[in-house]
PDB file of N, CA and C in Angstrom:
ATOM      1  N   MET A   1       0.875  -1.175  -0.023  1.00  0.00           N
ATOM      2  CA  MET A   1      -0.010  -0.015  -0.044  1.00  0.00           C
ATOM      3  C   MET A   1       0.822   1.228  -0.024  1.00  0.00           C
ATOM      4  N   GLU A   2       0.350   2.291  -0.472  1.00  0.00           N
ATOM      5  CA  GLU A   2       1.060   3.545  -0.594  1.00  0.00           C
ATOM      6  C   GLU A   2       0.160   4.743  -0.208  1.00  0.00           C
ATOM      7  N   PHE A   3       0.769   5.646   0.583  1.00  0.00           N
ATOM      8  CA  PHE A   3      -0.038   6.882   0.966  1.00  0.00           C
ATOM      9  C   PHE A   3       0.942   8.015   0.887  1.00  0.00           C
ATOM     10  N   LEU A   4       0.388   9.202   0.612  1.00  0.00           N
ATOM     11  CA  LEU A   4       1.148  10.447   0.739  1.00  0.00           C
ATOM     12  C   LEU A   4       0.510  11.112   1.986  1.00  0.00           C
ATOM     13  N   ALA A   5       1.296  11.316   2.932  1.00  0.00           N
ATOM     14  CA  ALA A   5       0.832  11.833   4.286  1.00  0.00           C
ATOM     15  C   ALA A   5       1.402  13.190   4.623  1.00  0.00           C
ATOM     16  N   GLU A   6       0.593  13.879   5.397  1.00  0.00           N
ATOM     17  CA  GLU A   6       1.028  15.173   5.959  1.00  0.00           C
ATOM     18  C   GLU A   6       1.823  15.070   7.176  1.00  0.00           C
ATOM     19  N   ASN A   7       2.525  16.108   7.567  1.00  0.00           N
ATOM     20  CA  ASN A   7       3.171  16.252   8.877  1.00  0.00           C
ATOM     21  C   ASN A   7       4.371  15.354   9.143  1.00  0.00           C
ATOM     22  N   ILE A   8       4.940  14.785   8.069  1.00  0.00           N
ATOM     23  CA  ILE A   8       6.190  13.875   8.227  1.00  0.00           C
ATOM     24  C   ILE A   8       7.346  14.901   8.107  1.00  0.00           C
ATOM     25  N   LYS A   9       7.946  15.178   9.234  1.00  0.00           N
ATOM     26  CA  LYS A   9       8.992  16.228   9.283  1.00  0.00           C
ATOM     27  C   LYS A   9      10.414  15.732   9.692  1.00  0.00           C
ATOM     28  N   CYS A  10      10.421  14.565  10.351  1.00  0.00           N
ATOM     29  CA  CYS A  10      11.700  14.166  10.968  1.00  0.00           C
ATOM     30  C   CYS A  10      11.723  12.605  11.171  1.00  0.00           C
ATOM     31  N   ASN A  11      12.866  12.183  11.657  1.00  0.00           N
ATOM     32  CA  ASN A  11      13.000  10.663  11.931  1.00  0.00           C
ATOM     33  C   ASN A  11      12.111  10.258  13.040  1.00  0.00           C
ATOM     34  N   GLY A  12      11.736  11.172  13.952  1.00  0.00           N
ATOM     35  CA  GLY A  12      10.844  10.778  14.982  1.00  0.00           C
ATOM     36  C   GLY A  12       9.435  10.495  14.442  1.00  0.00           C
ATOM     37  N   CYS A  13       9.089  11.209  13.444  1.00  0.00           N
ATOM     38  CA  CYS A  13       7.757  10.940  12.657  1.00  0.00           C
ATOM     39  C   CYS A  13       7.879   9.563  12.022  1.00  0.00           C
ATOM     40  N   VAL A  14       8.969   9.324  11.387  1.00  0.00           N
ATOM     41  CA  VAL A  14       9.186   8.037  10.758  1.00  0.00           C
ATOM     42  C   VAL A  14       9.034   6.908  11.730  1.00  0.00           C
ATOM     43  N   ASN A  15       9.664   7.105  12.907  1.00  0.00           N
ATOM     44  CA  ASN A  15       9.612   6.026  13.905  1.00  0.00           C
ATOM     45  C   ASN A  15       8.209   5.849  14.472  1.00  0.00           C
ATOM     46  N   ASN A  16       7.461   6.979  14.643  1.00  0.00           N
ATOM     47  CA  ASN A  16       6.085   6.843  15.093  1.00  0.00           C
ATOM     48  C   ASN A  16       5.228   6.035  14.072  1.00  0.00           C
ATOM     49  N   ILE A  17       5.400   6.331  12.840  1.00  0.00           N
ATOM     50  CA  ILE A  17       4.612   5.630  11.832  1.00  0.00           C
ATOM     51  C   ILE A  17       4.967   4.128  11.822  1.00  0.00           C
ATOM     52  N   LYS A  18       6.262   3.827  11.858  1.00  0.00           N
ATOM     53  CA  LYS A  18       6.714   2.428  11.852  1.00  0.00           C
ATOM     54  C   LYS A  18       6.257   1.748  13.064  1.00  0.00           C
ATOM     55  N   LYS A  19       6.343   2.392  14.174  1.00  0.00           N
ATOM     56  CA  LYS A  19       5.799   1.747  15.462  1.00  0.00           C
ATOM     57  C   LYS A  19       4.276   1.484  15.404  1.00  0.00           C
ATOM     58  N   GLY A  20       3.520   2.418  14.795  1.00  0.00           N
ATOM     59  CA  GLY A  20       2.109   2.269  14.587  1.00  0.00           C
ATOM     60  C   GLY A  20       1.742   1.140  13.683  1.00  0.00           C
ATOM     61  N   LEU A  21       2.528   0.847  12.683  1.00  0.00           N
ATOM     62  CA  LEU A  21       2.234  -0.175  11.662  1.00  0.00           C
ATOM     63  C   LEU A  21       2.814  -1.552  11.972  1.00  0.00           C
ATOM     64  N   LYS A  22       3.944  -1.574  12.637  1.00  0.00           N
ATOM     65  CA  LYS A  22       4.753  -2.833  12.732  1.00  0.00           C
ATOM     66  C   LYS A  22       4.063  -3.983  13.401  1.00  0.00           C
ATOM     67  N   ASP A  23       3.183  -3.696  14.389  1.00  0.00           N
ATOM     68  CA  ASP A  23       2.522  -4.798  15.092  1.00  0.00           C
ATOM     69  C   ASP A  23       1.291  -5.301  14.446  1.00  0.00           C
ATOM     70  N   ILE A  24       0.898  -4.745  13.347  1.00  0.00           N
ATOM     71  CA  ILE A  24      -0.260  -5.225  12.697  1.00  0.00           C
ATOM     72  C   ILE A  24       0.051  -6.377  11.818  1.00  0.00           C
ATOM     73  N   GLU A  25      -0.673  -7.463  12.101  1.00  0.00           N
ATOM     74  CA  GLU A  25      -0.378  -8.703  11.372  1.00  0.00           C
ATOM     75  C   GLU A  25      -0.549  -8.569   9.878  1.00  0.00           C
ATOM     76  N   GLY A  26       0.516  -8.964   9.154  1.00  0.00           N
ATOM     77  CA  GLY A  26       0.522  -8.890   7.690  1.00  0.00           C
ATOM     78  C   GLY A  26       1.213  -7.693   7.169  1.00  0.00           C
ATOM     79  N   VAL A  27       1.622  -6.733   7.953  1.00  0.00           N
ATOM     80  CA  VAL A  27       2.367  -5.554   7.560  1.00  0.00           C
ATOM     81  C   VAL A  27       3.898  -5.895   7.536  1.00  0.00           C
ATOM     82  N   SER A  28       4.554  -5.553   6.449  1.00  0.00           N
ATOM     83  CA  SER A  28       5.990  -5.718   6.344  1.00  0.00           C
ATOM     84  C   SER A  28       6.599  -4.676   5.457  1.00  0.00           C
ATOM     85  N   ASP A  29       7.856  -4.623   5.370  1.00  0.00           N
ATOM     86  CA  ASP A  29       8.622  -3.725   4.442  1.00  0.00           C
ATOM     87  C   ASP A  29       8.083  -2.271   4.556  1.00  0.00           C
ATOM     88  N   ILE A  30       8.108  -1.717   5.748  1.00  0.00           N
ATOM     89  CA  ILE A  30       7.612  -0.322   5.915  1.00  0.00           C
ATOM     90  C   ILE A  30       8.708   0.657   5.502  1.00  0.00           C
ATOM     91  N   ASN A  31       8.360   1.572   4.598  1.00  0.00           N
ATOM     92  CA  ASN A  31       9.273   2.609   4.174  1.00  0.00           C
ATOM     93  C   ASN A  31       8.570   3.925   4.252  1.00  0.00           C
ATOM     94  N   VAL A  32       9.266   4.961   4.782  1.00  0.00           N
ATOM     95  CA  VAL A  32       8.669   6.284   4.949  1.00  0.00           C
ATOM     96  C   VAL A  32       9.727   7.293   4.415  1.00  0.00           C
ATOM     97  N   ASP A  33       9.292   8.179   3.538  1.00  0.00           N
ATOM     98  CA  ASP A  33      10.173   9.157   2.940  1.00  0.00           C
ATOM     99  C   ASP A  33       9.813  10.500   3.404  1.00  0.00           C
ATOM    100  N   ILE A  34      10.698  11.144   4.188  1.00  0.00           N
ATOM    101  CA  ILE A  34      10.419  12.407   4.768  1.00  0.00           C
ATOM    102  C   ILE A  34      10.094  13.522   3.771  1.00  0.00           C
ATOM    103  N   PRO A  35      10.957  13.766   2.784  1.00  0.00           N
ATOM    104  CA  PRO A  35      10.664  14.882   1.841  1.00  0.00           C
ATOM    105  C   PRO A  35       9.327  14.780   1.110  1.00  0.00           C
ATOM    106  N   THR A  36       8.917  13.622   0.748  1.00  0.00           N
ATOM    107  CA  THR A  36       7.741  13.487  -0.041  1.00  0.00           C
ATOM    108  C   THR A  36       6.506  13.140   0.799  1.00  0.00           C
ATOM    109  N   GLY A  37       6.707  12.681   2.043  1.00  0.00           N
ATOM    110  CA  GLY A  37       5.605  12.175   2.886  1.00  0.00           C
ATOM    111  C   GLY A  37       5.037  10.848   2.479  1.00  0.00           C
ATOM    112  N   LYS A  38       5.830  10.127   1.607  1.00  0.00           N
ATOM    113  CA  LYS A  38       5.354   8.831   1.099  1.00  0.00           C
ATOM    114  C   LYS A  38       5.562   7.739   2.141  1.00  0.00           C
ATOM    115  N   VAL A  39       4.497   7.063   2.405  1.00  0.00           N
ATOM    116  CA  VAL A  39       4.488   5.862   3.303  1.00  0.00           C
ATOM    117  C   VAL A  39       4.079   4.705   2.486  1.00  0.00           C
ATOM    118  N   GLU A  40       4.929   3.684   2.458  1.00  0.00           N
ATOM    119  CA  GLU A  40       4.570   2.482   1.703  1.00  0.00           C
ATOM    120  C   GLU A  40       4.962   1.315   2.539  1.00  0.00           C
ATOM    121  N   PHE A  41       4.169   0.219   2.329  1.00  0.00           N
ATOM    122  CA  PHE A  41       4.434  -0.999   3.063  1.00  0.00           C
ATOM    123  C   PHE A  41       3.686  -2.196   2.343  1.00  0.00           C
ATOM    124  N   ALA A  42       4.129  -3.380   2.570  1.00  0.00           N
ATOM    125  CA  ALA A  42       3.468  -4.523   2.045  1.00  0.00           C
ATOM    126  C   ALA A  42       2.438  -4.983   3.078  1.00  0.00           C
ATOM    127  N   TYR A  43       1.336  -5.385   2.550  1.00  0.00           N
ATOM    128  CA  TYR A  43       0.280  -5.857   3.447  1.00  0.00           C
ATOM    129  C   TYR A  43      -0.451  -7.147   2.865  1.00  0.00           C
ATOM    130  N   SER A  44      -0.538  -8.138   3.694  1.00  0.00           N
ATOM    131  CA  SER A  44      -1.161  -9.437   3.177  1.00  0.00           C
ATOM    132  C   SER A  44      -2.380  -9.797   4.049  1.00  0.00           C
ATOM    133  N   GLY A  45      -3.027  -8.851   4.701  1.00  0.00           N
ATOM    134  CA  GLY A  45      -4.162  -9.123   5.559  1.00  0.00           C
ATOM    135  C   GLY A  45      -5.504  -8.754   4.918  1.00  0.00           C
ATOM    136  N   ASN A  46      -6.479  -8.654   5.793  1.00  0.00           N
ATOM    137  CA  ASN A  46      -7.841  -8.365   5.345  1.00  0.00           C
ATOM    138  C   ASN A  46      -8.310  -7.012   5.475  1.00  0.00           C
ATOM    139  N   GLU A  47      -7.592  -6.111   6.136  1.00  0.00           N
ATOM    140  CA  GLU A  47      -8.012  -4.757   6.288  1.00  0.00           C
ATOM    141  C   GLU A  47      -7.927  -4.031   4.959  1.00  0.00           C
ATOM    142  N   ASN A  48      -8.796  -3.024   4.771  1.00  0.00           N
ATOM    143  CA  ASN A  48      -8.774  -2.203   3.547  1.00  0.00           C
ATOM    144  C   ASN A  48      -7.921  -0.940   3.714  1.00  0.00           C
ATOM    145  N   ARG A  49      -7.803  -0.260   2.640  1.00  0.00           N
ATOM    146  CA  ARG A  49      -7.063   0.950   2.504  1.00  0.00           C
ATOM    147  C   ARG A  49      -7.597   2.028   3.524  1.00  0.00           C
ATOM    148  N   LYS A  50      -8.868   2.144   3.673  1.00  0.00           N
ATOM    149  CA  LYS A  50      -9.525   3.099   4.533  1.00  0.00           C
ATOM    150  C   LYS A  50      -8.996   2.900   6.043  1.00  0.00           C
ATOM    151  N   TYR A  51      -8.865   1.641   6.459  1.00  0.00           N
ATOM    152  CA  TYR A  51      -8.413   1.313   7.782  1.00  0.00           C
ATOM    153  C   TYR A  51      -7.022   1.946   8.030  1.00  0.00           C
ATOM    154  N   PHE A  52      -6.141   1.780   7.035  1.00  0.00           N
ATOM    155  CA  PHE A  52      -4.742   2.269   7.177  1.00  0.00           C
ATOM    156  C   PHE A  52      -4.719   3.808   7.108  1.00  0.00           C
ATOM    157  N   ALA A  53      -5.593   4.393   6.229  1.00  0.00           N
ATOM    158  CA  ALA A  53      -5.652   5.888   6.186  1.00  0.00           C
ATOM    159  C   ALA A  53      -6.078   6.405   7.485  1.00  0.00           C
ATOM    160  N   GLN A  54      -7.103   5.776   8.154  1.00  0.00           N
ATOM    161  CA  GLN A  54      -7.549   6.212   9.441  1.00  0.00           C
ATOM    162  C   GLN A  54      -6.453   6.053  10.494  1.00  0.00           C
ATOM    163  N   LEU A  55      -5.767   4.931  10.495  1.00  0.00           N
ATOM    164  CA  LEU A  55      -4.667   4.663  11.387  1.00  0.00           C
ATOM    165  C   LEU A  55      -3.567   5.769  11.283  1.00  0.00           C
ATOM    166  N   LEU A  56      -3.117   6.060  10.099  1.00  0.00           N
ATOM    167  CA  LEU A  56      -2.175   7.123   9.892  1.00  0.00           C
ATOM    168  C   LEU A  56      -2.658   8.527  10.395  1.00  0.00           C
ATOM    169  N   SER A  57      -3.903   8.793  10.178  1.00  0.00           N
ATOM    170  CA  SER A  57      -4.537  10.006  10.667  1.00  0.00           C
ATOM    171  C   SER A  57      -4.551  10.080  12.157  1.00  0.00           C
ATOM    172  N   ASP A  58      -4.890   8.903  12.760  1.00  0.00           N
ATOM    173  CA  ASP A  58      -4.900   8.849  14.239  1.00  0.00           C
ATOM    174  C   ASP A  58      -3.498   9.063  14.812  1.00  0.00           C
ATOM    175  N   LEU A  59      -2.521   8.652  14.074  1.00  0.00           N
ATOM    176  CA  LEU A  59      -1.143   8.869  14.530  1.00  0.00           C
ATOM    177  C   LEU A  59      -0.685  10.282  14.314  1.00  0.00           C
ATOM    178  N   GLY A  60      -1.442  11.114  13.577  1.00  0.00           N
ATOM    179  CA  GLY A  60      -1.092  12.461  13.339  1.00  0.00           C
ATOM    180  C   GLY A  60      -0.565  12.722  11.993  1.00  0.00           C
ATOM    181  N   TYR A  61      -0.729  11.776  11.060  1.00  0.00           N
ATOM    182  CA  TYR A  61      -0.235  11.891   9.685  1.00  0.00           C
ATOM    183  C   TYR A  61      -1.305  11.567   8.685  1.00  0.00           C
ATOM    184  N   PRO A  62      -2.300  12.493   8.550  1.00  0.00           N
ATOM    185  CA  PRO A  62      -3.418  12.243   7.558  1.00  0.00           C
ATOM    186  C   PRO A  62      -2.914  12.285   6.147  1.00  0.00           C
ATOM    187  N   GLU A  63      -3.704  11.577   5.307  1.00  0.00           N
ATOM    188  CA  GLU A  63      -3.339  11.531   3.943  1.00  0.00           C
ATOM    189  C   GLU A  63      -3.532  12.867   3.353  1.00  0.00           C
ATOM    190  N   LYS A  64      -2.526  13.310   2.447  1.00  0.00           N
ATOM    191  CA  LYS A  64      -2.634  14.606   1.795  1.00  0.00           C
ATOM    192  C   LYS A  64      -3.975  14.706   1.008  1.00  0.00           C
ATOM    193  N   GLY A  65      -4.532  15.901   1.153  1.00  0.00           N
ATOM    194  CA  GLY A  65      -5.751  16.148   0.419  1.00  0.00           C
ATOM    195  C   GLY A  65      -6.997  15.849   1.251  1.00  0.00           C
ATOM    196  N   THR A  66      -6.824  15.331   2.465  1.00  0.00           N
ATOM    197  CA  THR A  66      -8.006  15.101   3.386  1.00  0.00           C
ATOM    198  C   THR A  66      -8.229  16.334   4.219  1.00  0.00           C
ATOM    199  N   LYS A  67      -9.446  16.479   4.735  1.00  0.00           N
ATOM    200  CA  LYS A  67      -9.805  17.672   5.572  1.00  0.00           C
ATOM    201  C   LYS A  67      -9.115  17.634   6.944  1.00  0.00           C
ATOM    202  N   ASN A  68      -8.902  16.385   7.463  1.00  0.00           N
ATOM    203  CA  ASN A  68      -8.323  16.258   8.771  1.00  0.00           C
ATOM    204  C   ASN A  68      -6.835  16.360   8.666  1.00  0.00           C
ATOM    205  N   LYS A  69      -6.293  17.535   8.969  1.00  0.00           N
ATOM    206  CA  LYS A  69      -4.871  17.780   8.822  1.00  0.00           C
ATOM    207  C   LYS A  69      -4.058  17.334  10.018  1.00  0.00           C
ATOM    208  N   PHE A  70      -4.754  17.171  11.211  1.00  0.00           N
ATOM    209  CA  PHE A  70      -3.956  16.726  12.430  1.00  0.00           C
ATOM    210  C   PHE A  70      -4.978  16.218  13.386  1.00  0.00           C
ATOM    211  N   SER A  71      -4.727  15.055  13.900  1.00  0.00           N
ATOM    212  CA  SER A  71      -5.584  14.430  14.915  1.00  0.00           C
ATOM    213  C   SER A  71      -4.995  14.677  16.301  1.00  0.00           C
ATOM    214  N   ILE A  72      -5.832  15.243  17.234  1.00  0.00           N
ATOM    215  CA  ILE A  72      -5.247  15.479  18.568  1.00  0.00           C
ATOM    216  C   ILE A  72      -5.295  14.143  19.421  1.00  0.00           C
ATOM    217  N   PHE A  73      -5.978  13.214  18.939  1.00  0.00           N
ATOM    218  CA  PHE A  73      -6.084  11.909  19.624  1.00  0.00           C
ATOM    219  C   PHE A  73      -5.212  10.941  18.935  1.00  0.00           C
ATOM    220  N   GLY A  74      -4.130  10.466  19.560  1.00  0.00           N
ATOM    221  CA  GLY A  74      -3.236   9.483  18.976  1.00  0.00           C
ATOM    222  C   GLY A  74      -3.541   8.088  19.481  1.00  0.00           C
ATOM    223  N   ARG A  75      -2.749   7.213  19.002  1.00  0.00           N
ATOM    224  CA  ARG A  75      -2.905   5.734  19.406  1.00  0.00           C
ATOM    225  C   ARG A  75      -1.889   5.388  20.446  1.00  0.00           C
ATOM    226  N   TRP A  76      -1.334   6.334  21.153  1.00  0.00           N
ATOM    227  CA  TRP A  76      -0.275   6.084  22.101  1.00  0.00           C
ATOM    228  C   TRP A  76      -0.844   5.586  23.349  1.00  0.00           C
TER     229      TRP A  76
END
């Protein structure tokens, strides 16, 4: 899956995204590019794209072009 996300500014952001995704069964090969905001990973489970878009938004990294630019409620 591939997303272009807002608010990815540093390695701390990258680590937050990886931490939020790594424990989901079926997620592997997580890559995050700071300059472009590109988040990509392999997924072999049953959840759909909307699930991951919401997860990223909850972590504070909504998909570019969505109305929710920052979520004050995280998954921490």
